[in-house]
Amino acid sequence: MMSKIKSYFSESYQELRKVNWPTQKETAHLTWVVIGFSLSVAIFLGILDMVFSYGIRWFISS
């Protein structure tokens, strides 16, 4: 049992050494891309929410 656990951690460490880690510049750039995309989606969904809210209010009041 212990040999399997030791083998698991050893193989995990070997796989992590193969990972192509991004540079700090790439990480910062991609972080801004994610933030921008998230804000865009939030604004889009907010506009849709307003449109549907007004539509439902108009439909109910008619």
PDB file of N, CA and C in Angstrom:
ATOM      1  N   MET A   1       0.822  -1.196   0.000  1.00  0.00           N
ATOM      2  CA  MET A   1       0.000   0.000   0.000  1.00  0.00           C
ATOM      3  C   MET A   1       0.864   1.257   0.000  1.00  0.00           C
ATOM      4  N   MET A   2       1.880   1.292   0.842  1.00  0.00           N
ATOM      5  CA  MET A   2       2.765   2.466   0.911  1.00  0.00           C
ATOM      6  C   MET A   2       3.546   2.638  -0.381  1.00  0.00           C
ATOM      7  N   SER A   3       3.892   1.541  -1.031  1.00  0.00           N
ATOM      8  CA  SER A   3       4.654   1.654  -2.278  1.00  0.00           C
ATOM      9  C   SER A   3       3.785   2.287  -3.377  1.00  0.00           C
ATOM     10  N   LYS A   4       2.472   1.996  -3.348  1.00  0.00           N
ATOM     11  CA  LYS A   4       1.579   2.595  -4.332  1.00  0.00           C
ATOM     12  C   LYS A   4       1.451   4.094  -4.094  1.00  0.00           C
ATOM     13  N   ILE A   5       1.375   4.495  -2.848  1.00  0.00           N
ATOM     14  CA  ILE A   5       1.274   5.921  -2.520  1.00  0.00           C
ATOM     15  C   ILE A   5       2.554   6.633  -2.916  1.00  0.00           C
ATOM     16  N   LYS A   6       3.688   6.029  -2.600  1.00  0.00           N
ATOM     17  CA  LYS A   6       4.971   6.616  -2.960  1.00  0.00           C
ATOM     18  C   LYS A   6       5.107   6.720  -4.480  1.00  0.00           C
ATOM     19  N   SER A   7       4.673   5.693  -5.188  1.00  0.00           N
ATOM     20  CA  SER A   7       4.727   5.695  -6.650  1.00  0.00           C
ATOM     21  C   SER A   7       3.823   6.793  -7.220  1.00  0.00           C
ATOM     22  N   TYR A   8       2.655   6.966  -6.626  1.00  0.00           N
ATOM     23  CA  TYR A   8       1.727   7.993  -7.080  1.00  0.00           C
ATOM     24  C   TYR A   8       2.358   9.380  -6.981  1.00  0.00           C
ATOM     25  N   PHE A   9       2.931   9.696  -5.833  1.00  0.00           N
ATOM     26  CA  PHE A   9       3.543  11.011  -5.659  1.00  0.00           C
ATOM     27  C   PHE A   9       4.764  11.195  -6.547  1.00  0.00           C
ATOM     28  N   SER A  10       5.531  10.145  -6.725  1.00  0.00           N
ATOM     29  CA  SER A  10       6.702  10.222  -7.593  1.00  0.00           C
ATOM     30  C   SER A  10       6.291  10.489  -9.043  1.00  0.00           C
ATOM     31  N   GLU A  11       5.291   9.770  -9.518  1.00  0.00           N
ATOM     32  CA  GLU A  11       4.824   9.964 -10.892  1.00  0.00           C
ATOM     33  C   GLU A  11       4.167  11.334 -11.057  1.00  0.00           C
ATOM     34  N   SER A  12       3.444  11.780 -10.041  1.00  0.00           N
ATOM     35  CA  SER A  12       2.826  13.108 -10.105  1.00  0.00           C
ATOM     36  C   SER A  12       3.888  14.186 -10.220  1.00  0.00           C
ATOM     37  N   TYR A  13       4.954  14.065  -9.450  1.00  0.00           N
ATOM     38  CA  TYR A  13       6.043  15.034  -9.495  1.00  0.00           C
ATOM     39  C   TYR A  13       6.697  15.032 -10.875  1.00  0.00           C
ATOM     40  N   GLN A  14       6.901  13.859 -11.440  1.00  0.00           N
ATOM     41  CA  GLN A  14       7.509  13.771 -12.771  1.00  0.00           C
ATOM     42  C   GLN A  14       6.614  14.427 -13.823  1.00  0.00           C
ATOM     43  N   GLU A  15       5.314  14.246 -13.726  1.00  0.00           N
ATOM     44  CA  GLU A  15       4.392  14.870 -14.678  1.00  0.00           C
ATOM     45  C   GLU A  15       4.383  16.385 -14.517  1.00  0.00           C
ATOM     46  N   LEU A  16       4.443  16.877 -13.290  1.00  0.00           N
ATOM     47  CA  LEU A  16       4.457  18.326 -13.065  1.00  0.00           C
ATOM     48  C   LEU A  16       5.706  18.971 -13.653  1.00  0.00           C
ATOM     49  N   ARG A  17       6.805  18.249 -13.698  1.00  0.00           N
ATOM     50  CA  ARG A  17       8.030  18.797 -14.282  1.00  0.00           C
ATOM     51  C   ARG A  17       7.910  18.931 -15.797  1.00  0.00           C
ATOM     52  N   LYS A  18       6.980  18.196 -16.412  1.00  0.00           N
ATOM     53  CA  LYS A  18       6.782  18.257 -17.861  1.00  0.00           C
ATOM     54  C   LYS A  18       5.862  19.414 -18.276  1.00  0.00           C
ATOM     55  N   VAL A  19       5.176  20.007 -17.311  1.00  0.00           N
ATOM     56  CA  VAL A  19       4.211  21.068 -17.619  1.00  0.00           C
ATOM     57  C   VAL A  19       4.936  22.294 -18.148  1.00  0.00           C
ATOM     58  N   ASN A  20       4.366  22.887 -19.197  1.00  0.00           N
ATOM     59  CA  ASN A  20       4.904  24.111 -19.769  1.00  0.00           C
ATOM     60  C   ASN A  20       4.234  25.288 -19.059  1.00  0.00           C
ATOM     61  N   TRP A  21       4.865  25.795 -18.005  1.00  0.00           N
ATOM     62  CA  TRP A  21       4.284  26.849 -17.198  1.00  0.00           C
ATOM     63  C   TRP A  21       4.364  28.185 -17.936  1.00  0.00           C
ATOM     64  N   PRO A  22       3.297  29.001 -17.867  1.00  0.00           N
ATOM     65  CA  PRO A  22       3.323  30.307 -18.543  1.00  0.00           C
ATOM     66  C   PRO A  22       4.249  31.281 -17.825  1.00  0.00           C
ATOM     67  N   THR A  23       4.721  32.258 -18.577  1.00  0.00           N
ATOM     68  CA  THR A  23       5.564  33.289 -17.971  1.00  0.00           C
ATOM     69  C   THR A  23       4.661  34.259 -17.199  1.00  0.00           C
ATOM     70  N   GLN A  24       5.306  35.129 -16.426  1.00  0.00           N
ATOM     71  CA  GLN A  24       4.537  36.103 -15.651  1.00  0.00           C
ATOM     72  C   GLN A  24       3.782  37.049 -16.578  1.00  0.00           C
ATOM     73  N   LYS A  25       4.405  37.411 -17.691  1.00  0.00           N
ATOM     74  CA  LYS A  25       3.759  38.305 -18.659  1.00  0.00           C
ATOM     75  C   LYS A  25       2.536  37.644 -19.274  1.00  0.00           C
ATOM     76  N   GLU A  26       2.665  36.374 -19.661  1.00  0.00           N
ATOM     77  CA  GLU A  26       1.537  35.644 -20.228  1.00  0.00           C
ATOM     78  C   GLU A  26       0.397  35.511 -19.212  1.00  0.00           C
ATOM     79  N   THR A  27       0.762  35.242 -17.976  1.00  0.00           N
ATOM     80  CA  THR A  27      -0.244  35.099 -16.926  1.00  0.00           C
ATOM     81  C   THR A  27      -1.001  36.405 -16.724  1.00  0.00           C
ATOM     82  N   ALA A  28      -0.290  37.523 -16.675  1.00  0.00           N
ATOM     83  CA  ALA A  28      -0.931  38.827 -16.495  1.00  0.00           C
ATOM     84  C   ALA A  28      -1.846  39.133 -17.679  1.00  0.00           C
ATOM     85  N   HIS A  29      -1.365  38.875 -18.888  1.00  0.00           N
ATOM     86  CA  HIS A  29      -2.171  39.141 -20.086  1.00  0.00           C
ATOM     87  C   HIS A  29      -3.450  38.306 -20.076  1.00  0.00           C
ATOM     88  N   LEU A  30      -3.324  37.028 -19.814  1.00  0.00           N
ATOM     89  CA  LEU A  30      -4.499  36.157 -19.824  1.00  0.00           C
ATOM     90  C   LEU A  30      -5.460  36.487 -18.686  1.00  0.00           C
ATOM     91  N   THR A  31      -4.931  36.975 -17.566  1.00  0.00           N
ATOM     92  CA  THR A  31      -5.796  37.407 -16.470  1.00  0.00           C
ATOM     93  C   THR A  31      -6.655  38.577 -16.910  1.00  0.00           C
ATOM     94  N   TRP A  32      -6.052  39.547 -17.608  1.00  0.00           N
ATOM     95  CA  TRP A  32      -6.818  40.691 -18.107  1.00  0.00           C
ATOM     96  C   TRP A  32      -7.836  40.266 -19.159  1.00  0.00           C
ATOM     97  N   VAL A  33      -7.492  39.279 -19.972  1.00  0.00           N
ATOM     98  CA  VAL A  33      -8.439  38.765 -20.966  1.00  0.00           C
ATOM     99  C   VAL A  33      -9.657  38.165 -20.262  1.00  0.00           C
ATOM    100  N   VAL A  34      -9.425  37.386 -19.224  1.00  0.00           N
ATOM    101  CA  VAL A  34     -10.527  36.771 -18.480  1.00  0.00           C
ATOM    102  C   VAL A  34     -11.386  37.832 -17.801  1.00  0.00           C
ATOM    103  N   ILE A  35     -10.753  38.835 -17.193  1.00  0.00           N
ATOM    104  CA  ILE A  35     -11.498  39.916 -16.540  1.00  0.00           C
ATOM    105  C   ILE A  35     -12.345  40.669 -17.567  1.00  0.00           C
ATOM    106  N   GLY A  36     -11.755  40.995 -18.715  1.00  0.00           N
ATOM    107  CA  GLY A  36     -12.488  41.700 -19.762  1.00  0.00           C
ATOM    108  C   GLY A  36     -13.662  40.891 -20.289  1.00  0.00           C
ATOM    109  N   PHE A  37     -13.435  39.611 -20.524  1.00  0.00           N
ATOM    110  CA  PHE A  37     -14.506  38.748 -21.012  1.00  0.00           C
ATOM    111  C   PHE A  37     -15.620  38.634 -19.977  1.00  0.00           C
ATOM    112  N   SER A  38     -15.254  38.492 -18.717  1.00  0.00           N
ATOM    113  CA  SER A  38     -16.252  38.384 -17.646  1.00  0.00           C
ATOM    114  C   SER A  38     -17.089  39.653 -17.541  1.00  0.00           C
ATOM    115  N   LEU A  39     -16.447  40.808 -17.627  1.00  0.00           N
ATOM    116  CA  LEU A  39     -17.191  42.067 -17.587  1.00  0.00           C
ATOM    117  C   LEU A  39     -18.110  42.202 -18.798  1.00  0.00           C
ATOM    118  N   SER A  40     -17.643  41.808 -19.962  1.00  0.00           N
ATOM    119  CA  SER A  40     -18.469  41.870 -21.168  1.00  0.00           C
ATOM    120  C   SER A  40     -19.714  40.997 -21.033  1.00  0.00           C
ATOM    121  N   VAL A  41     -19.535  39.797 -20.540  1.00  0.00           N
ATOM    122  CA  VAL A  41     -20.672  38.894 -20.357  1.00  0.00           C
ATOM    123  C   VAL A  41     -21.626  39.454 -19.306  1.00  0.00           C
ATOM    124  N   ALA A  42     -21.088  40.022 -18.214  1.00  0.00           N
ATOM    125  CA  ALA A  42     -21.933  40.594 -17.166  1.00  0.00           C
ATOM    126  C   ALA A  42     -22.761  41.763 -17.716  1.00  0.00           C
ATOM    127  N   ILE A  43     -22.143  42.619 -18.518  1.00  0.00           N
ATOM    128  CA  ILE A  43     -22.867  43.750 -19.104  1.00  0.00           C
ATOM    129  C   ILE A  43     -23.938  43.249 -20.074  1.00  0.00           C
ATOM    130  N   PHE A  44     -23.586  42.294 -20.901  1.00  0.00           N
ATOM    131  CA  PHE A  44     -24.542  41.722 -21.855  1.00  0.00           C
ATOM    132  C   PHE A  44     -25.744  41.121 -21.133  1.00  0.00           C
ATOM    133  N   LEU A  45     -25.489  40.329 -20.092  1.00  0.00           N
ATOM    134  CA  LEU A  45     -26.584  39.712 -19.346  1.00  0.00           C
ATOM    135  C   LEU A  45     -27.399  40.756 -18.597  1.00  0.00           C
ATOM    136  N   GLY A  46     -26.751  41.809 -18.108  1.00  0.00           N
ATOM    137  CA  GLY A  46     -27.482  42.892 -17.450  1.00  0.00           C
ATOM    138  C   GLY A  46     -28.426  43.593 -18.409  1.00  0.00           C
ATOM    139  N   ILE A  47     -27.956  43.842 -19.629  1.00  0.00           N
ATOM    140  CA  ILE A  47     -28.809  44.478 -20.642  1.00  0.00           C
ATOM    141  C   ILE A  47     -29.981  43.568 -20.998  1.00  0.00           C
ATOM    142  N   LEU A  48     -29.710  42.281 -21.187  1.00  0.00           N
ATOM    143  CA  LEU A  48     -30.795  41.341 -21.470  1.00  0.00           C
ATOM    144  C   LEU A  48     -31.809  41.318 -20.329  1.00  0.00           C
ATOM    145  N   ASP A  49     -31.338  41.336 -19.110  1.00  0.00           N
ATOM    146  CA  ASP A  49     -32.225  41.341 -17.954  1.00  0.00           C
ATOM    147  C   ASP A  49     -33.118  42.578 -17.961  1.00  0.00           C
ATOM    148  N   MET A  50     -32.538  43.746 -18.251  1.00  0.00           N
ATOM    149  CA  MET A  50     -33.338  44.974 -18.306  1.00  0.00           C
ATOM    150  C   MET A  50     -34.387  44.892 -19.415  1.00  0.00           C
ATOM    151  N   VAL A  51     -33.989  44.422 -20.590  1.00  0.00           N
ATOM    152  CA  VAL A  51     -34.919  44.329 -21.718  1.00  0.00           C
ATOM    153  C   VAL A  51     -36.074  43.393 -21.372  1.00  0.00           C
ATOM    154  N   PHE A  52     -35.766  42.229 -20.838  1.00  0.00           N
ATOM    155  CA  PHE A  52     -36.824  41.283 -20.493  1.00  0.00           C
ATOM    156  C   PHE A  52     -37.693  41.798 -19.347  1.00  0.00           C
ATOM    157  N   SER A  53     -37.112  42.492 -18.387  1.00  0.00           N
ATOM    158  CA  SER A  53     -37.889  43.065 -17.284  1.00  0.00           C
ATOM    159  C   SER A  53     -38.886  44.090 -17.808  1.00  0.00           C
ATOM    160  N   TYR A  54     -38.419  44.999 -18.676  1.00  0.00           N
ATOM    161  CA  TYR A  54     -39.327  45.981 -19.265  1.00  0.00           C
ATOM    162  C   TYR A  54     -40.394  45.297 -20.114  1.00  0.00           C
ATOM    163  N   GLY A  55     -40.000  44.279 -20.861  1.00  0.00           N
ATOM    164  CA  GLY A  55     -40.966  43.552 -21.688  1.00  0.00           C
ATOM    165  C   GLY A  55     -42.040  42.875 -20.858  1.00  0.00           C
ATOM    166  N   ILE A  56     -41.652  42.256 -19.773  1.00  0.00           N
ATOM    167  CA  ILE A  56     -42.622  41.575 -18.909  1.00  0.00           C
ATOM    168  C   ILE A  56     -43.531  42.602 -18.231  1.00  0.00           C
ATOM    169  N   ARG A  57     -42.952  43.709 -17.750  1.00  0.00           N
ATOM    170  CA  ARG A  57     -43.776  44.765 -17.137  1.00  0.00           C
ATOM    171  C   ARG A  57     -44.776  45.318 -18.139  1.00  0.00           C
ATOM    172  N   TRP A  58     -44.348  45.549 -19.368  1.00  0.00           N
ATOM    173  CA  TRP A  58     -45.237  46.063 -20.405  1.00  0.00           C
ATOM    174  C   TRP A  58     -46.344  45.053 -20.700  1.00  0.00           C
ATOM    175  N   PHE A  59     -45.962  43.770 -20.783  1.00  0.00           N
ATOM    176  CA  PHE A  59     -46.929  42.716 -21.083  1.00  0.00           C
ATOM    177  C   PHE A  59     -47.961  42.578 -19.966  1.00  0.00           C
ATOM    178  N   ILE A  60     -47.525  42.668 -18.721  1.00  0.00           N
ATOM    179  CA  ILE A  60     -48.432  42.531 -17.581  1.00  0.00           C
ATOM    180  C   ILE A  60     -49.355  43.746 -17.464  1.00  0.00           C
ATOM    181  N   SER A  61     -48.827  44.933 -17.713  1.00  0.00           N
ATOM    182  CA  SER A  61     -49.632  46.164 -17.557  1.00  0.00           C
ATOM    183  C   SER A  61     -50.605  46.379 -18.714  1.00  0.00           C
ATOM    184  N   SER A  62     -50.417  45.680 -19.813  1.00  0.00           N
ATOM    185  CA  SER A  62     -51.318  45.863 -20.973  1.00  0.00           C
ATOM    186  C   SER A  62     -52.610  45.127 -20.811  1.00  0.00           C
TER     187      SER A  62
END
